[in-house]
């Protein structure tokens, strides 16, 4: 259905790949909605969302209402006469008055296998929780929080080297392709949508910076999952010689070794990695960023800071 009048709603980079693919395949939206511009903390410079920057580049009409709870915002959307609204990480819950406007309603791409991990941080939480798989769900939006009927899902295995950043990119691409497939038979796909099983619902609450502080008494698998799930933002950190160290990459040993130190103790510098004792097993720090310095390899950190075996990371 290439003649659909689509209104696209999204804000971060996760939404951008779908907007790009729509434009590249003859499904160019009649308008793009994104969150209001924000002032940069340093200098107060206004920054555009990735979606807005691309839409302006393509000459697409851009709308940025602060809320859809006003008749003015709803009427503005109504004048666009959309057949379908595509929503990806837009940043607002759409009221029923908005959902009732397009003939085919609103389709949302959510970065989890609903009904699990509804909410703000599904990708990050799935990695932190050490899930074996993740995926994307295309669903019909209703007025709830990720509660609409499921149209289709794409499942992807989770590996122990995936970070939230890399998984988001993979899921964005998978969701984009699945949406294109859906548009080819939209009425039939919507008619076949099934309600979510509420008994299986879980919520992925927003991450906080405080969650990123490493507690070295926890086991290595848990800390490795935390570091990957929190990367690149808000990130994990520890302290070394009283200075905050941001952790960019952790690794697990190929062959588990016997524990022999206290949690947080550096027991090996093999292969230029900081191998730190945890509550159970070793966790390797491969890339890090000392306070007020640029990101660097662990090997450079070891040389620059004259790190010795038995030095201590402080949780």
C-alpha atoms as a PDB file:
ATOM      1  CA  UNK A   1       0.000   0.000   0.000  1.00  0.00           C
ATOM      2  CA  UNK A   2       2.341   2.708  -1.258  1.00  0.00           C
ATOM      3  CA  UNK A   3      -0.414   5.332  -1.449  1.00  0.00           C
ATOM      4  CA  UNK A   4      -0.936   5.470   2.316  1.00  0.00           C
ATOM      5  CA  UNK A   5      -0.838   8.892   3.950  1.00  0.00           C
ATOM      6  CA  UNK A   6       1.555   8.167   6.817  1.00  0.00           C
ATOM      7  CA  UNK A   7       2.344  10.467   9.716  1.00  0.00           C
ATOM      8  CA  UNK A   8       5.582   9.477  11.452  1.00  0.00           C
ATOM      9  CA  UNK A   9       6.170  10.104  15.164  1.00  0.00           C
ATOM     10  CA  UNK A  10       9.604   9.494  16.681  1.00  0.00           C
ATOM     11  CA  UNK A  11      12.514  11.251  18.341  1.00  0.00           C
ATOM     12  CA  UNK A  12      15.819   9.376  19.005  1.00  0.00           C
ATOM     13  CA  UNK A  13      18.238   7.575  16.711  1.00  0.00           C
ATOM     14  CA  UNK A  14      16.325   4.320  17.277  1.00  0.00           C
ATOM     15  CA  UNK A  15      13.423   5.802  15.282  1.00  0.00           C
ATOM     16  CA  UNK A  16      15.577   7.293  12.544  1.00  0.00           C
ATOM     17  CA  UNK A  17      16.335   4.124  10.577  1.00  0.00           C
ATOM     18  CA  UNK A  18      12.624   3.474  10.069  1.00  0.00           C
ATOM     19  CA  UNK A  19      11.985   7.009   8.855  1.00  0.00           C
ATOM     20  CA  UNK A  20      14.895   6.684   6.450  1.00  0.00           C
ATOM     21  CA  UNK A  21      13.652   3.364   5.097  1.00  0.00           C
ATOM     22  CA  UNK A  22      10.128   4.726   4.627  1.00  0.00           C
ATOM     23  CA  UNK A  23      11.502   7.604   2.589  1.00  0.00           C
ATOM     24  CA  UNK A  24      13.768   5.336   0.548  1.00  0.00           C
ATOM     25  CA  UNK A  25      10.999   2.886  -0.381  1.00  0.00           C
ATOM     26  CA  UNK A  26       8.231   5.189  -1.560  1.00  0.00           C
ATOM     27  CA  UNK A  27       6.413   5.499   1.795  1.00  0.00           C
ATOM     28  CA  UNK A  28       7.525   9.063   2.546  1.00  0.00           C
ATOM     29  CA  UNK A  29       5.429  10.449   5.430  1.00  0.00           C
ATOM     30  CA  UNK A  30       3.241  13.482   4.835  1.00  0.00           C
ATOM     31  CA  UNK A  31       4.522  14.892   8.132  1.00  0.00           C
ATOM     32  CA  UNK A  32       6.884  14.105  10.994  1.00  0.00           C
ATOM     33  CA  UNK A  33       6.212  14.658  14.687  1.00  0.00           C
ATOM     34  CA  UNK A  34       9.069  14.764  17.179  1.00  0.00           C
ATOM     35  CA  UNK A  35       9.678  16.085  20.682  1.00  0.00           C
ATOM     36  CA  UNK A  36      10.353  19.813  21.208  1.00  0.00           C
ATOM     37  CA  UNK A  37      13.945  20.991  20.788  1.00  0.00           C
ATOM     38  CA  UNK A  38      16.171  21.012  23.831  1.00  0.00           C
ATOM     39  CA  UNK A  39      18.853  23.457  24.878  1.00  0.00           C
ATOM     40  CA  UNK A  40      22.317  21.969  25.302  1.00  0.00           C
ATOM     41  CA  UNK A  41      23.526  22.078  28.896  1.00  0.00           C
ATOM     42  CA  UNK A  42      26.778  23.635  27.772  1.00  0.00           C
ATOM     43  CA  UNK A  43      26.230  27.005  26.188  1.00  0.00           C
ATOM     44  CA  UNK A  44      22.476  26.686  25.816  1.00  0.00           C
ATOM     45  CA  UNK A  45      22.699  25.820  22.119  1.00  0.00           C
ATOM     46  CA  UNK A  46      19.505  24.332  20.699  1.00  0.00           C
ATOM     47  CA  UNK A  47      19.880  20.755  19.475  1.00  0.00           C
ATOM     48  CA  UNK A  48      17.505  18.908  17.156  1.00  0.00           C
ATOM     49  CA  UNK A  49      16.469  15.300  17.616  1.00  0.00           C
ATOM     50  CA  UNK A  50      17.943  12.865  15.044  1.00  0.00           C
ATOM     51  CA  UNK A  51      14.467  12.481  13.536  1.00  0.00           C
ATOM     52  CA  UNK A  52      13.950  16.228  13.154  1.00  0.00           C
ATOM     53  CA  UNK A  53      17.375  16.777  11.607  1.00  0.00           C
ATOM     54  CA  UNK A  54      16.687  14.132   8.949  1.00  0.00           C
ATOM     55  CA  UNK A  55      13.136  15.351   8.287  1.00  0.00           C
ATOM     56  CA  UNK A  56      14.361  18.899   7.683  1.00  0.00           C
ATOM     57  CA  UNK A  57      17.065  17.576   5.369  1.00  0.00           C
ATOM     58  CA  UNK A  58      14.346  15.819   3.360  1.00  0.00           C
ATOM     59  CA  UNK A  59      12.050  18.843   3.372  1.00  0.00           C
ATOM     60  CA  UNK A  60       9.324  17.098   5.374  1.00  0.00           C
ATOM     61  CA  UNK A  61       6.868  19.135   7.472  1.00  0.00           C
ATOM     62  CA  UNK A  62       7.850  18.893  11.147  1.00  0.00           C
ATOM     63  CA  UNK A  63       5.510  19.369  14.116  1.00  0.00           C
ATOM     64  CA  UNK A  64       6.595  19.509  17.765  1.00  0.00           C
ATOM     65  CA  UNK A  65       3.627  19.880  20.106  1.00  0.00           C
ATOM     66  CA  UNK A  66       4.435  19.678  23.804  1.00  0.00           C
ATOM     67  CA  UNK A  67       1.248  17.672  24.338  1.00  0.00           C
ATOM     68  CA  UNK A  68      -1.707  16.196  22.479  1.00  0.00           C
ATOM     69  CA  UNK A  69      -4.037  17.075  25.324  1.00  0.00           C
ATOM     70  CA  UNK A  70      -5.147  20.258  23.576  1.00  0.00           C
ATOM     71  CA  UNK A  71      -7.796  20.498  20.851  1.00  0.00           C
ATOM     72  CA  UNK A  72      -5.418  22.624  18.806  1.00  0.00           C
ATOM     73  CA  UNK A  73      -2.802  19.849  18.573  1.00  0.00           C
ATOM     74  CA  UNK A  74      -5.420  17.216  17.757  1.00  0.00           C
ATOM     75  CA  UNK A  75      -7.011  19.397  15.084  1.00  0.00           C
ATOM     76  CA  UNK A  76      -3.619  20.100  13.523  1.00  0.00           C
ATOM     77  CA  UNK A  77      -3.065  16.369  13.127  1.00  0.00           C
ATOM     78  CA  UNK A  78      -6.588  15.869  11.786  1.00  0.00           C
ATOM     79  CA  UNK A  79      -5.956  18.347   8.959  1.00  0.00           C
ATOM     80  CA  UNK A  80      -3.149  16.077   7.698  1.00  0.00           C
ATOM     81  CA  UNK A  81      -5.756  13.352   6.982  1.00  0.00           C
ATOM     82  CA  UNK A  82      -3.457  10.434   7.875  1.00  0.00           C
ATOM     83  CA  UNK A  83      -4.375   6.868   6.976  1.00  0.00           C
ATOM     84  CA  UNK A  84      -1.808   5.543   9.437  1.00  0.00           C
ATOM     85  CA  UNK A  85       0.406   6.862  12.224  1.00  0.00           C
ATOM     86  CA  UNK A  86       3.754   5.104  12.727  1.00  0.00           C
ATOM     87  CA  UNK A  87       5.140   5.630  16.231  1.00  0.00           C
ATOM     88  CA  UNK A  88       8.647   4.729  17.404  1.00  0.00           C
ATOM     89  CA  UNK A  89      10.081   6.033  20.683  1.00  0.00           C
ATOM     90  CA  UNK A  90       8.152   9.268  20.275  1.00  0.00           C
ATOM     91  CA  UNK A  91       8.181  10.219  23.944  1.00  0.00           C
ATOM     92  CA  UNK A  92       4.473  10.822  24.536  1.00  0.00           C
ATOM     93  CA  UNK A  93       1.497   8.579  25.197  1.00  0.00           C
ATOM     94  CA  UNK A  94      -1.084   9.398  22.538  1.00  0.00           C
ATOM     95  CA  UNK A  95      -4.654   9.968  23.776  1.00  0.00           C
ATOM     96  CA  UNK A  96      -7.588   8.140  22.225  1.00  0.00           C
ATOM     97  CA  UNK A  97      -8.635  11.309  20.364  1.00  0.00           C
ATOM     98  CA  UNK A  98      -5.392  11.051  18.347  1.00  0.00           C
ATOM     99  CA  UNK A  99      -5.603   7.297  17.807  1.00  0.00           C
ATOM    100  CA  UNK A 100      -9.112   7.656  16.396  1.00  0.00           C
ATOM    101  CA  UNK A 101      -8.026   9.998  13.573  1.00  0.00           C
ATOM    102  CA  UNK A 102      -6.286   7.660  11.065  1.00  0.00           C
ATOM    103  CA  UNK A 103      -8.339   5.013   9.288  1.00  0.00           C
ATOM    104  CA  UNK A 104      -5.832   2.279  10.238  1.00  0.00           C
ATOM    105  CA  UNK A 105      -5.013   3.663  13.668  1.00  0.00           C
ATOM    106  CA  UNK A 106      -1.442   3.854  14.946  1.00  0.00           C
ATOM    107  CA  UNK A 107       1.264   1.187  14.697  1.00  0.00           C
ATOM    108  CA  UNK A 108       4.101   1.205  17.194  1.00  0.00           C
ATOM    109  CA  UNK A 109       7.513  -0.473  16.960  1.00  0.00           C
ATOM    110  CA  UNK A 110       8.594  -1.415  20.469  1.00  0.00           C
ATOM    111  CA  UNK A 111      12.054  -2.801  21.273  1.00  0.00           C
ATOM    112  CA  UNK A 112      11.031  -5.875  23.242  1.00  0.00           C
ATOM    113  CA  UNK A 113       8.982  -9.036  22.959  1.00  0.00           C
ATOM    114  CA  UNK A 114       5.782  -7.717  24.472  1.00  0.00           C
ATOM    115  CA  UNK A 115       4.148  -8.081  26.885  1.00  0.00           C
ATOM    116  CA  UNK A 116       7.579  -8.353  28.531  1.00  0.00           C
ATOM    117  CA  UNK A 117       9.549  -5.156  29.076  1.00  0.00           C
ATOM    118  CA  UNK A 118       6.934  -2.512  28.503  1.00  0.00           C
ATOM    119  CA  UNK A 119       8.160   0.982  29.268  1.00  0.00           C
ATOM    120  CA  UNK A 120      11.167   3.232  28.824  1.00  0.00           C
ATOM    121  CA  UNK A 121      14.255   0.969  28.825  1.00  0.00           C
ATOM    122  CA  UNK A 122      13.353  -2.444  27.359  1.00  0.00           C
ATOM    123  CA  UNK A 123      16.656  -3.062  25.547  1.00  0.00           C
ATOM    124  CA  UNK A 124      18.825  -2.126  28.496  1.00  0.00           C
ATOM    125  CA  UNK A 125      16.780  -4.111  31.001  1.00  0.00           C
ATOM    126  CA  UNK A 126      16.756  -7.256  28.857  1.00  0.00           C
ATOM    127  CA  UNK A 127      20.571  -7.258  28.767  1.00  0.00           C
ATOM    128  CA  UNK A 128      20.929  -6.429  32.460  1.00  0.00           C
ATOM    129  CA  UNK A 129      18.512  -9.259  33.302  1.00  0.00           C
ATOM    130  CA  UNK A 130      20.633 -11.658  31.185  1.00  0.00           C
ATOM    131  CA  UNK A 131      17.756 -12.655  28.922  1.00  0.00           C
ATOM    132  CA  UNK A 132      18.576 -15.185  26.213  1.00  0.00           C
ATOM    133  CA  UNK A 133      16.617 -13.360  23.509  1.00  0.00           C
ATOM    134  CA  UNK A 134      15.110 -10.003  22.682  1.00  0.00           C
ATOM    135  CA  UNK A 135      13.302  -8.599  19.682  1.00  0.00           C
ATOM    136  CA  UNK A 136      10.858  -6.064  18.346  1.00  0.00           C
ATOM    137  CA  UNK A 137       7.090  -6.007  18.515  1.00  0.00           C
ATOM    138  CA  UNK A 138       4.785  -4.249  16.071  1.00  0.00           C
ATOM    139  CA  UNK A 139       1.545  -3.467  17.834  1.00  0.00           C
ATOM    140  CA  UNK A 140      -1.603  -1.437  17.496  1.00  0.00           C
ATOM    141  CA  UNK A 141      -1.373   1.531  19.821  1.00  0.00           C
ATOM    142  CA  UNK A 142      -4.057   2.069  22.399  1.00  0.00           C
ATOM    143  CA  UNK A 143      -4.226   4.653  25.174  1.00  0.00           C
ATOM    144  CA  UNK A 144      -2.173   2.506  27.585  1.00  0.00           C
ATOM    145  CA  UNK A 145       1.582   2.049  28.085  1.00  0.00           C
ATOM    146  CA  UNK A 146       2.607  -0.513  25.433  1.00  0.00           C
ATOM    147  CA  UNK A 147      -0.609  -2.480  25.967  1.00  0.00           C
ATOM    148  CA  UNK A 148      -2.025  -2.690  22.422  1.00  0.00           C
ATOM    149  CA  UNK A 149      -2.711  -5.799  20.350  1.00  0.00           C
ATOM    150  CA  UNK A 150       0.349  -7.522  18.856  1.00  0.00           C
ATOM    151  CA  UNK A 151       0.574  -7.512  15.060  1.00  0.00           C
ATOM    152  CA  UNK A 152       3.910  -9.291  14.673  1.00  0.00           C
ATOM    153  CA  UNK A 153       7.234  -9.933  16.393  1.00  0.00           C
ATOM    154  CA  UNK A 154      10.826 -10.494  15.332  1.00  0.00           C
ATOM    155  CA  UNK A 155      12.974 -12.512  17.742  1.00  0.00           C
ATOM    156  CA  UNK A 156      16.756 -12.160  18.075  1.00  0.00           C
ATOM    157  CA  UNK A 157      19.196 -14.095  20.275  1.00  0.00           C
ATOM    158  CA  UNK A 158      21.198 -12.139  22.841  1.00  0.00           C
ATOM    159  CA  UNK A 159      24.914 -12.824  23.041  1.00  0.00           C
ATOM    160  CA  UNK A 160      27.337 -11.996  25.850  1.00  0.00           C
ATOM    161  CA  UNK A 161      29.079  -9.302  23.817  1.00  0.00           C
ATOM    162  CA  UNK A 162      25.983  -7.263  22.902  1.00  0.00           C
ATOM    163  CA  UNK A 163      25.637  -3.827  24.454  1.00  0.00           C
ATOM    164  CA  UNK A 164      22.479  -1.757  24.652  1.00  0.00           C
ATOM    165  CA  UNK A 165      23.895   0.434  21.902  1.00  0.00           C
ATOM    166  CA  UNK A 166      24.619  -2.397  19.470  1.00  0.00           C
ATOM    167  CA  UNK A 167      21.344  -4.184  20.221  1.00  0.00           C
ATOM    168  CA  UNK A 168      19.346  -0.996  19.643  1.00  0.00           C
ATOM    169  CA  UNK A 169      20.897  -0.675  16.183  1.00  0.00           C
ATOM    170  CA  UNK A 170      20.081  -4.288  15.350  1.00  0.00           C
ATOM    171  CA  UNK A 171      16.509  -3.998  16.598  1.00  0.00           C
ATOM    172  CA  UNK A 172      15.974  -0.724  14.750  1.00  0.00           C
ATOM    173  CA  UNK A 173      16.899  -2.390  11.477  1.00  0.00           C
ATOM    174  CA  UNK A 174      14.731  -5.435  12.220  1.00  0.00           C
ATOM    175  CA  UNK A 175      11.756  -3.260  13.132  1.00  0.00           C
ATOM    176  CA  UNK A 176      12.126  -1.176   9.980  1.00  0.00           C
ATOM    177  CA  UNK A 177      12.099  -4.236   7.737  1.00  0.00           C
ATOM    178  CA  UNK A 178       9.120  -5.726   9.561  1.00  0.00           C
ATOM    179  CA  UNK A 179       7.158  -2.497   9.165  1.00  0.00           C
ATOM    180  CA  UNK A 180       7.753  -2.533   5.409  1.00  0.00           C
ATOM    181  CA  UNK A 181       6.485  -6.092   5.269  1.00  0.00           C
ATOM    182  CA  UNK A 182       3.404  -5.044   7.239  1.00  0.00           C
ATOM    183  CA  UNK A 183       2.606  -2.158   4.905  1.00  0.00           C
ATOM    184  CA  UNK A 184       2.267  -4.611   2.004  1.00  0.00           C
ATOM    185  CA  UNK A 185      -0.783  -6.215   3.627  1.00  0.00           C
ATOM    186  CA  UNK A 186      -1.861  -3.735   6.288  1.00  0.00           C
ATOM    187  CA  UNK A 187      -5.629  -4.437   6.566  1.00  0.00           C
ATOM    188  CA  UNK A 188      -5.107  -8.203   6.841  1.00  0.00           C
ATOM    189  CA  UNK A 189      -2.280  -7.831   9.385  1.00  0.00           C
ATOM    190  CA  UNK A 190      -4.293  -5.491  11.596  1.00  0.00           C
ATOM    191  CA  UNK A 191      -7.314  -7.795  11.484  1.00  0.00           C
ATOM    192  CA  UNK A 192      -5.142 -10.684  12.690  1.00  0.00           C
ATOM    193  CA  UNK A 193      -3.607  -8.772  15.649  1.00  0.00           C
ATOM    194  CA  UNK A 194      -3.949 -10.541  19.011  1.00  0.00           C
ATOM    195  CA  UNK A 195      -4.328  -9.122  22.542  1.00  0.00           C
ATOM    196  CA  UNK A 196      -1.354  -9.239  24.897  1.00  0.00           C
ATOM    197  CA  UNK A 197      -1.290 -11.745  27.737  1.00  0.00           C
ATOM    198  CA  UNK A 198      -1.483  -9.434  30.743  1.00  0.00           C
ATOM    199  CA  UNK A 199      -0.323 -12.193  33.073  1.00  0.00           C
ATOM    200  CA  UNK A 200       3.093 -12.115  31.348  1.00  0.00           C
ATOM    201  CA  UNK A 201       3.556  -8.330  31.421  1.00  0.00           C
ATOM    202  CA  UNK A 202       6.695  -6.804  32.925  1.00  0.00           C
ATOM    203  CA  UNK A 203       7.919  -3.207  32.993  1.00  0.00           C
ATOM    204  CA  UNK A 204      11.307  -1.769  32.090  1.00  0.00           C
ATOM    205  CA  UNK A 205      11.690   1.356  34.164  1.00  0.00           C
ATOM    206  CA  UNK A 206      14.019   4.162  33.140  1.00  0.00           C
ATOM    207  CA  UNK A 207      17.680   3.735  34.079  1.00  0.00           C
ATOM    208  CA  UNK A 208      19.403   6.072  36.512  1.00  0.00           C
ATOM    209  CA  UNK A 209      23.064   7.057  36.791  1.00  0.00           C
ATOM    210  CA  UNK A 210      23.192   5.652  40.317  1.00  0.00           C
ATOM    211  CA  UNK A 211      22.469   2.185  38.927  1.00  0.00           C
ATOM    212  CA  UNK A 212      25.835   2.300  37.161  1.00  0.00           C
ATOM    213  CA  UNK A 213      28.041   2.131  40.237  1.00  0.00           C
ATOM    214  CA  UNK A 214      29.808  -1.230  40.255  1.00  0.00           C
ATOM    215  CA  UNK A 215      29.368  -3.342  43.383  1.00  0.00           C
ATOM    216  CA  UNK A 216      32.333  -5.698  43.185  1.00  0.00           C
ATOM    217  CA  UNK A 217      30.761  -8.132  45.656  1.00  0.00           C
ATOM    218  CA  UNK A 218      28.323  -9.188  42.917  1.00  0.00           C
ATOM    219  CA  UNK A 219      29.280 -11.967  40.518  1.00  0.00           C
ATOM    220  CA  UNK A 220      31.101 -11.400  37.233  1.00  0.00           C
ATOM    221  CA  UNK A 221      28.198 -12.401  34.970  1.00  0.00           C
ATOM    222  CA  UNK A 222      25.867  -9.937  36.689  1.00  0.00           C
ATOM    223  CA  UNK A 223      28.388  -7.087  36.456  1.00  0.00           C
ATOM    224  CA  UNK A 224      29.224  -7.867  32.817  1.00  0.00           C
ATOM    225  CA  UNK A 225      25.511  -7.740  31.991  1.00  0.00           C
ATOM    226  CA  UNK A 226      25.130  -4.455  33.875  1.00  0.00           C
ATOM    227  CA  UNK A 227      28.062  -2.850  32.044  1.00  0.00           C
ATOM    228  CA  UNK A 228      26.693  -3.912  28.642  1.00  0.00           C
ATOM    229  CA  UNK A 229      23.122  -2.943  29.428  1.00  0.00           C
ATOM    230  CA  UNK A 230      24.129   0.510  30.668  1.00  0.00           C
ATOM    231  CA  UNK A 231      26.381   1.221  27.660  1.00  0.00           C
ATOM    232  CA  UNK A 232      26.649   3.789  26.201  1.00  0.00           C
ATOM    233  CA  UNK A 233      24.265   5.667  28.493  1.00  0.00           C
ATOM    234  CA  UNK A 234      24.103   6.251  31.385  1.00  0.00           C
ATOM    235  CA  UNK A 235      27.164   3.991  31.771  1.00  0.00           C
ATOM    236  CA  UNK A 236      28.828   2.142  34.625  1.00  0.00           C
ATOM    237  CA  UNK A 237      31.646   3.340  36.854  1.00  0.00           C
ATOM    238  CA  UNK A 238      33.951   2.473  39.709  1.00  0.00           C
ATOM    239  CA  UNK A 239      36.702   4.255  41.650  1.00  0.00           C
ATOM    240  CA  UNK A 240      40.465   3.803  41.531  1.00  0.00           C
ATOM    241  CA  UNK A 241      42.790   5.671  43.885  1.00  0.00           C
ATOM    242  CA  UNK A 242      39.899   7.911  44.800  1.00  0.00           C
ATOM    243  CA  UNK A 243      39.119   8.913  41.214  1.00  0.00           C
ATOM    244  CA  UNK A 244      35.986   7.986  39.293  1.00  0.00           C
ATOM    245  CA  UNK A 245      36.572   5.609  36.378  1.00  0.00           C
ATOM    246  CA  UNK A 246      33.901   5.204  33.696  1.00  0.00           C
ATOM    247  CA  UNK A 247      33.812   1.703  32.246  1.00  0.00           C
ATOM    248  CA  UNK A 248      33.363   1.386  28.473  1.00  0.00           C
ATOM    249  CA  UNK A 249      33.998  -2.302  27.838  1.00  0.00           C
ATOM    250  CA  UNK A 250      34.113  -5.387  30.012  1.00  0.00           C
ATOM    251  CA  UNK A 251      35.054  -8.944  29.074  1.00  0.00           C
ATOM    252  CA  UNK A 252      34.782 -12.361  30.650  1.00  0.00           C
ATOM    253  CA  UNK A 253      37.696 -14.813  30.832  1.00  0.00           C
ATOM    254  CA  UNK A 254      37.660 -17.611  28.255  1.00  0.00           C
ATOM    255  CA  UNK A 255      38.422 -20.123  30.970  1.00  0.00           C
ATOM    256  CA  UNK A 256      37.168 -19.379  34.497  1.00  0.00           C
ATOM    257  CA  UNK A 257      39.999 -19.305  37.012  1.00  0.00           C
ATOM    258  CA  UNK A 258      39.962 -20.027  40.727  1.00  0.00           C
ATOM    259  CA  UNK A 259      39.184 -16.990  42.842  1.00  0.00           C
ATOM    260  CA  UNK A 260      41.954 -15.798  45.097  1.00  0.00           C
ATOM    261  CA  UNK A 261      41.394 -12.204  46.107  1.00  0.00           C
ATOM    262  CA  UNK A 262      38.979  -9.747  47.647  1.00  0.00           C
ATOM    263  CA  UNK A 263      36.148  -8.198  45.597  1.00  0.00           C
ATOM    264  CA  UNK A 264      37.561  -5.264  43.639  1.00  0.00           C
ATOM    265  CA  UNK A 265      41.159  -6.514  43.791  1.00  0.00           C
ATOM    266  CA  UNK A 266      43.117  -6.523  40.507  1.00  0.00           C
ATOM    267  CA  UNK A 267      44.600 -10.010  40.253  1.00  0.00           C
ATOM    268  CA  UNK A 268      46.020  -9.971  36.724  1.00  0.00           C
ATOM    269  CA  UNK A 269      47.043  -7.566  33.952  1.00  0.00           C
ATOM    270  CA  UNK A 270      47.271 -10.281  31.291  1.00  0.00           C
ATOM    271  CA  UNK A 271      46.795  -9.177  27.657  1.00  0.00           C
ATOM    272  CA  UNK A 272      46.485  -5.566  28.723  1.00  0.00           C
ATOM    273  CA  UNK A 273      43.206  -6.146  30.578  1.00  0.00           C
ATOM    274  CA  UNK A 274      42.409  -5.289  34.186  1.00  0.00           C
ATOM    275  CA  UNK A 275      41.204  -8.593  35.632  1.00  0.00           C
ATOM    276  CA  UNK A 276      39.251  -7.750  38.759  1.00  0.00           C
ATOM    277  CA  UNK A 277      38.031 -10.157  41.415  1.00  0.00           C
ATOM    278  CA  UNK A 278      34.250 -10.049  41.901  1.00  0.00           C
ATOM    279  CA  UNK A 279      32.026 -11.816  44.401  1.00  0.00           C
ATOM    280  CA  UNK A 280      32.252 -14.790  42.063  1.00  0.00           C
ATOM    281  CA  UNK A 281      34.741 -14.993  39.205  1.00  0.00           C
ATOM    282  CA  UNK A 282      36.837 -12.419  37.377  1.00  0.00           C
ATOM    283  CA  UNK A 283      35.638  -9.482  35.301  1.00  0.00           C
ATOM    284  CA  UNK A 284      37.983  -7.919  32.778  1.00  0.00           C
ATOM    285  CA  UNK A 285      37.966  -4.189  32.057  1.00  0.00           C
ATOM    286  CA  UNK A 286      39.186  -3.648  28.499  1.00  0.00           C
ATOM    287  CA  UNK A 287      38.326   0.036  27.905  1.00  0.00           C
ATOM    288  CA  UNK A 288      37.754   2.805  30.412  1.00  0.00           C
ATOM    289  CA  UNK A 289      37.796   6.541  30.941  1.00  0.00           C
ATOM    290  CA  UNK A 290      39.513   8.134  33.946  1.00  0.00           C
ATOM    291  CA  UNK A 291      37.978  11.213  35.475  1.00  0.00           C
ATOM    292  CA  UNK A 292      38.696  14.327  33.328  1.00  0.00           C
ATOM    293  CA  UNK A 293      40.403  12.253  30.635  1.00  0.00           C
ATOM    294  CA  UNK A 294      39.507  10.715  27.305  1.00  0.00           C
ATOM    295  CA  UNK A 295      38.506   7.099  26.799  1.00  0.00           C
ATOM    296  CA  UNK A 296      41.475   4.736  26.570  1.00  0.00           C
ATOM    297  CA  UNK A 297      42.398   1.074  26.435  1.00  0.00           C
ATOM    298  CA  UNK A 298      43.084  -0.740  29.675  1.00  0.00           C
ATOM    299  CA  UNK A 299      46.657  -1.293  28.445  1.00  0.00           C
ATOM    300  CA  UNK A 300      47.224   2.469  28.182  1.00  0.00           C
ATOM    301  CA  UNK A 301      45.648   2.967  31.591  1.00  0.00           C
ATOM    302  CA  UNK A 302      47.904   0.316  33.118  1.00  0.00           C
ATOM    303  CA  UNK A 303      51.002   1.969  31.686  1.00  0.00           C
ATOM    304  CA  UNK A 304      49.945   5.548  32.380  1.00  0.00           C
ATOM    305  CA  UNK A 305      48.842   4.953  35.949  1.00  0.00           C
ATOM    306  CA  UNK A 306      51.502   2.340  36.795  1.00  0.00           C
ATOM    307  CA  UNK A 307      48.823  -0.133  37.854  1.00  0.00           C
ATOM    308  CA  UNK A 308      50.060  -3.108  39.852  1.00  0.00           C
ATOM    309  CA  UNK A 309      48.579  -6.497  40.668  1.00  0.00           C
ATOM    310  CA  UNK A 310      46.711  -6.294  44.016  1.00  0.00           C
ATOM    311  CA  UNK A 311      45.718  -2.660  43.443  1.00  0.00           C
ATOM    312  CA  UNK A 312      42.064  -2.194  44.320  1.00  0.00           C
ATOM    313  CA  UNK A 313      38.972  -0.972  42.489  1.00  0.00           C
ATOM    314  CA  UNK A 314      36.538   0.629  44.904  1.00  0.00           C
ATOM    315  CA  UNK A 315      32.808   0.065  44.516  1.00  0.00           C
END
